[in-house]
Amino acid sequence: MTERTCAACDCELDAETIKVKIGGQTVEVCCDDCAQALREADASTSGGE
């Protein structure tokens, strides 16, 4: 089985994940803190589009 890891912190994901849409792709993260970090990073690089 393929090991799945958090898109933000690279921790191993368990059964409960949070899906975040970044740059047109959906990624999975382990917690709300990682989801918020990815959203903020995406907003800062997208130029407010």
PDB file of N, CA and C in Angstrom:
ATOM      1  N   MET A   1       0.842  -1.190   0.000  1.00  0.00           N
ATOM      2  CA  MET A   1       0.000   0.000   0.000  1.00  0.00           C
ATOM      3  C   MET A   1       0.886   1.252   0.000  1.00  0.00           C
ATOM      4  N   THR A   2       0.490   2.244  -0.740  1.00  0.00           N
ATOM      5  CA  THR A   2       1.242   3.474  -0.836  1.00  0.00           C
ATOM      6  C   THR A   2       1.058   4.306   0.428  1.00  0.00           C
ATOM      7  N   GLU A   3       2.158   4.786   0.971  1.00  0.00           N
ATOM      8  CA  GLU A   3       2.106   5.632   2.154  1.00  0.00           C
ATOM      9  C   GLU A   3       1.694   7.040   1.739  1.00  0.00           C
ATOM     10  N   ARG A   4       0.688   7.578   2.411  1.00  0.00           N
ATOM     11  CA  ARG A   4       0.220   8.930   2.119  1.00  0.00           C
ATOM     12  C   ARG A   4       0.754   9.874   3.191  1.00  0.00           C
ATOM     13  N   THR A   5       1.199  11.060   2.752  1.00  0.00           N
ATOM     14  CA  THR A   5       1.733  12.030   3.690  1.00  0.00           C
ATOM     15  C   THR A   5       1.057  13.382   3.508  1.00  0.00           C
ATOM     16  N   CYS A   6       1.107  14.180   4.549  1.00  0.00           N
ATOM     17  CA  CYS A   6       0.534  15.524   4.557  1.00  0.00           C
ATOM     18  C   CYS A   6       1.269  16.400   3.541  1.00  0.00           C
ATOM     19  N   ALA A   7       0.511  17.169   2.769  1.00  0.00           N
ATOM     20  CA  ALA A   7       1.100  18.042   1.759  1.00  0.00           C
ATOM     21  C   ALA A   7       1.868  19.209   2.384  1.00  0.00           C
ATOM     22  N   ALA A   8       1.598  19.520   3.649  1.00  0.00           N
ATOM     23  CA  ALA A   8       2.261  20.654   4.291  1.00  0.00           C
ATOM     24  C   ALA A   8       3.455  20.241   5.137  1.00  0.00           C
ATOM     25  N   CYS A   9       3.284  19.232   5.985  1.00  0.00           N
ATOM     26  CA  CYS A   9       4.354  18.900   6.944  1.00  0.00           C
ATOM     27  C   CYS A   9       4.983  17.535   6.713  1.00  0.00           C
ATOM     28  N   ASP A  10       4.473  16.785   5.765  1.00  0.00           N
ATOM     29  CA  ASP A  10       5.019  15.479   5.383  1.00  0.00           C
ATOM     30  C   ASP A  10       4.820  14.389   6.444  1.00  0.00           C
ATOM     31  N   CYS A  11       3.919  14.630   7.404  1.00  0.00           N
ATOM     32  CA  CYS A  11       3.589  13.585   8.379  1.00  0.00           C
ATOM     33  C   CYS A  11       2.722  12.524   7.699  1.00  0.00           C
ATOM     34  N   GLU A  12       2.755  11.319   8.216  1.00  0.00           N
ATOM     35  CA  GLU A  12       1.927  10.246   7.670  1.00  0.00           C
ATOM     36  C   GLU A  12       0.457  10.535   7.955  1.00  0.00           C
ATOM     37  N   LEU A  13      -0.395  10.370   6.951  1.00  0.00           N
ATOM     38  CA  LEU A  13      -1.830  10.617   7.101  1.00  0.00           C
ATOM     39  C   LEU A  13      -2.530   9.378   7.634  1.00  0.00           C
ATOM     40  N   ASP A  14      -3.541   9.599   8.475  1.00  0.00           N
ATOM     41  CA  ASP A  14      -4.354   8.483   8.952  1.00  0.00           C
ATOM     42  C   ASP A  14      -5.688   8.519   8.209  1.00  0.00           C
ATOM     43  N   ALA A  15      -6.699   7.893   8.738  1.00  0.00           N
ATOM     44  CA  ALA A  15      -7.996   7.794   8.069  1.00  0.00           C
ATOM     45  C   ALA A  15      -8.702   9.149   7.981  1.00  0.00           C
ATOM     46  N   GLU A  16      -8.434  10.032   8.923  1.00  0.00           N
ATOM     47  CA  GLU A  16      -9.093  11.337   8.928  1.00  0.00           C
ATOM     48  C   GLU A  16      -8.157  12.392   8.356  1.00  0.00           C
ATOM     49  N   THR A  17      -8.501  12.892   7.183  1.00  0.00           N
ATOM     50  CA  THR A  17      -7.702  13.923   6.532  1.00  0.00           C
ATOM     51  C   THR A  17      -8.584  15.106   6.184  1.00  0.00           C
ATOM     52  N   ILE A  18      -7.954  16.215   5.883  1.00  0.00           N
ATOM     53  CA  ILE A  18      -8.646  17.420   5.444  1.00  0.00           C
ATOM     54  C   ILE A  18      -8.207  17.671   4.011  1.00  0.00           C
ATOM     55  N   LYS A  19      -9.166  17.876   3.125  1.00  0.00           N
ATOM     56  CA  LYS A  19      -8.856  18.141   1.719  1.00  0.00           C
ATOM     57  C   LYS A  19      -8.865  19.647   1.491  1.00  0.00           C
ATOM     58  N   VAL A  20      -7.812  20.135   0.831  1.00  0.00           N
ATOM     59  CA  VAL A  20      -7.645  21.559   0.556  1.00  0.00           C
ATOM     60  C   VAL A  20      -7.381  21.724  -0.926  1.00  0.00           C
ATOM     61  N   LYS A  21      -8.092  22.670  -1.569  1.00  0.00           N
ATOM     62  CA  LYS A  21      -7.878  22.926  -2.988  1.00  0.00           C
ATOM     63  C   LYS A  21      -6.848  24.045  -3.133  1.00  0.00           C
ATOM     64  N   ILE A  22      -5.715  23.709  -3.756  1.00  0.00           N
ATOM     65  CA  ILE A  22      -4.605  24.639  -3.934  1.00  0.00           C
ATOM     66  C   ILE A  22      -4.197  24.632  -5.395  1.00  0.00           C
ATOM     67  N   GLY A  23      -4.215  25.790  -6.017  1.00  0.00           N
ATOM     68  CA  GLY A  23      -3.768  25.894  -7.403  1.00  0.00           C
ATOM     69  C   GLY A  23      -4.510  24.977  -8.352  1.00  0.00           C
ATOM     70  N   GLY A  24      -5.796  24.740  -8.118  1.00  0.00           N
ATOM     71  CA  GLY A  24      -6.589  23.902  -8.992  1.00  0.00           C
ATOM     72  C   GLY A  24      -6.503  22.411  -8.683  1.00  0.00           C
ATOM     73  N   GLN A  25      -5.686  22.022  -7.704  1.00  0.00           N
ATOM     74  CA  GLN A  25      -5.564  20.619  -7.321  1.00  0.00           C
ATOM     75  C   GLN A  25      -5.996  20.450  -5.874  1.00  0.00           C
ATOM     76  N   THR A  26      -6.542  19.289  -5.570  1.00  0.00           N
ATOM     77  CA  THR A  26      -6.936  18.972  -4.207  1.00  0.00           C
ATOM     78  C   THR A  26      -5.831  18.150  -3.560  1.00  0.00           C
ATOM     79  N   VAL A  27      -5.403  18.606  -2.390  1.00  0.00           N
ATOM     80  CA  VAL A  27      -4.374  17.899  -1.628  1.00  0.00           C
ATOM     81  C   VAL A  27      -4.935  17.562  -0.253  1.00  0.00           C
ATOM     82  N   GLU A  28      -4.313  16.591   0.410  1.00  0.00           N
ATOM     83  CA  GLU A  28      -4.753  16.177   1.734  1.00  0.00           C
ATOM     84  C   GLU A  28      -3.737  16.604   2.781  1.00  0.00           C
ATOM     85  N   VAL A  29      -4.248  17.095   3.907  1.00  0.00           N
ATOM     86  CA  VAL A  29      -3.395  17.500   5.019  1.00  0.00           C
ATOM     87  C   VAL A  29      -3.880  16.828   6.288  1.00  0.00           C
ATOM     88  N   CYS A  30      -3.029  16.845   7.317  1.00  0.00           N
ATOM     89  CA  CYS A  30      -3.322  16.106   8.542  1.00  0.00           C
ATOM     90  C   CYS A  30      -4.149  16.890   9.559  1.00  0.00           C
ATOM     91  N   CYS A  31      -4.127  18.230   9.499  1.00  0.00           N
ATOM     92  CA  CYS A  31      -4.815  19.000  10.541  1.00  0.00           C
ATOM     93  C   CYS A  31      -5.219  20.380  10.026  1.00  0.00           C
ATOM     94  N   ASP A  32      -6.007  21.087  10.843  1.00  0.00           N
ATOM     95  CA  ASP A  32      -6.456  22.424  10.475  1.00  0.00           C
ATOM     96  C   ASP A  32      -5.294  23.408  10.330  1.00  0.00           C
ATOM     97  N   ASP A  33      -4.276  23.263  11.166  1.00  0.00           N
ATOM     98  CA  ASP A  33      -3.117  24.161  11.086  1.00  0.00           C
ATOM     99  C   ASP A  33      -2.415  24.036   9.737  1.00  0.00           C
ATOM    100  N   CYS A  34      -2.240  22.824   9.264  1.00  0.00           N
ATOM    101  CA  CYS A  34      -1.604  22.607   7.954  1.00  0.00           C
ATOM    102  C   CYS A  34      -2.501  23.123   6.828  1.00  0.00           C
ATOM    103  N   ALA A  35      -3.803  22.923   6.947  1.00  0.00           N
ATOM    104  CA  ALA A  35      -4.736  23.418   5.934  1.00  0.00           C
ATOM    105  C   ALA A  35      -4.662  24.937   5.846  1.00  0.00           C
ATOM    106  N   GLN A  36      -4.643  25.596   6.994  1.00  0.00           N
ATOM    107  CA  GLN A  36      -4.571  27.054   7.026  1.00  0.00           C
ATOM    108  C   GLN A  36      -3.244  27.541   6.444  1.00  0.00           C
ATOM    109  N   ALA A  37      -2.159  26.875   6.766  1.00  0.00           N
ATOM    110  CA  ALA A  37      -0.849  27.266   6.243  1.00  0.00           C
ATOM    111  C   ALA A  37      -0.814  27.180   4.720  1.00  0.00           C
ATOM    112  N   LEU A  38      -1.383  26.117   4.158  1.00  0.00           N
ATOM    113  CA  LEU A  38      -1.412  25.982   2.696  1.00  0.00           C
ATOM    114  C   LEU A  38      -2.301  27.036   2.055  1.00  0.00           C
ATOM    115  N   ARG A  39      -3.435  27.324   2.670  1.00  0.00           N
ATOM    116  CA  ARG A  39      -4.330  28.363   2.120  1.00  0.00           C
ATOM    117  C   ARG A  39      -3.634  29.722   2.116  1.00  0.00           C
ATOM    118  N   GLU A  40      -2.940  30.042   3.203  1.00  0.00           N
ATOM    119  CA  GLU A  40      -2.234  31.320   3.286  1.00  0.00           C
ATOM    120  C   GLU A  40      -1.103  31.390   2.270  1.00  0.00           C
ATOM    121  N   ALA A  41      -0.369  30.310   2.105  1.00  0.00           N
ATOM    122  CA  ALA A  41       0.716  30.285   1.128  1.00  0.00           C
ATOM    123  C   ALA A  41       0.163  30.437  -0.282  1.00  0.00           C
ATOM    124  N   ASP A  42      -0.946  29.786  -0.584  1.00  0.00           N
ATOM    125  CA  ASP A  42      -1.557  29.887  -1.909  1.00  0.00           C
ATOM    126  C   ASP A  42      -2.046  31.311  -2.164  1.00  0.00           C
ATOM    127  N   ALA A  43      -2.668  31.927  -1.153  1.00  0.00           N
ATOM    128  CA  ALA A  43      -3.173  33.289  -1.307  1.00  0.00           C
ATOM    129  C   ALA A  43      -2.044  34.276  -1.544  1.00  0.00           C
ATOM    130  N   SER A  44      -0.910  34.078  -0.889  1.00  0.00           N
ATOM    131  CA  SER A  44       0.197  35.010  -1.035  1.00  0.00           C
ATOM    132  C   SER A  44       0.903  34.865  -2.387  1.00  0.00           C
ATOM    133  N   THR A  45       0.834  33.689  -2.991  1.00  0.00           N
ATOM    134  CA  THR A  45       1.490  33.483  -4.289  1.00  0.00           C
ATOM    135  C   THR A  45       0.565  33.711  -5.473  1.00  0.00           C
ATOM    136  N   SER A  46      -0.751  33.701  -5.227  1.00  0.00           N
ATOM    137  CA  SER A  46      -1.683  33.854  -6.344  1.00  0.00           C
ATOM    138  C   SER A  46      -1.922  35.301  -6.723  1.00  0.00           C
ATOM    139  N   GLY A  47      -1.462  36.251  -5.939  1.00  0.00           N
ATOM    140  CA  GLY A  47      -1.626  37.648  -6.277  1.00  0.00           C
ATOM    141  C   GLY A  47      -3.035  38.150  -6.067  1.00  0.00           C
ATOM    142  N   GLY A  48      -3.831  37.447  -5.247  1.00  0.00           N
ATOM    143  CA  GLY A  48      -5.174  37.891  -4.929  1.00  0.00           C
ATOM    144  C   GLY A  48      -6.183  37.672  -6.040  1.00  0.00           C
ATOM    145  N   GLU A  49      -5.938  36.721  -6.907  1.00  0.00           N
ATOM    146  CA  GLU A  49      -6.856  36.449  -8.019  1.00  0.00           C
ATOM    147  C   GLU A  49      -8.135  35.854  -7.530  1.00  0.00           C
TER     148      GLU A  49
END
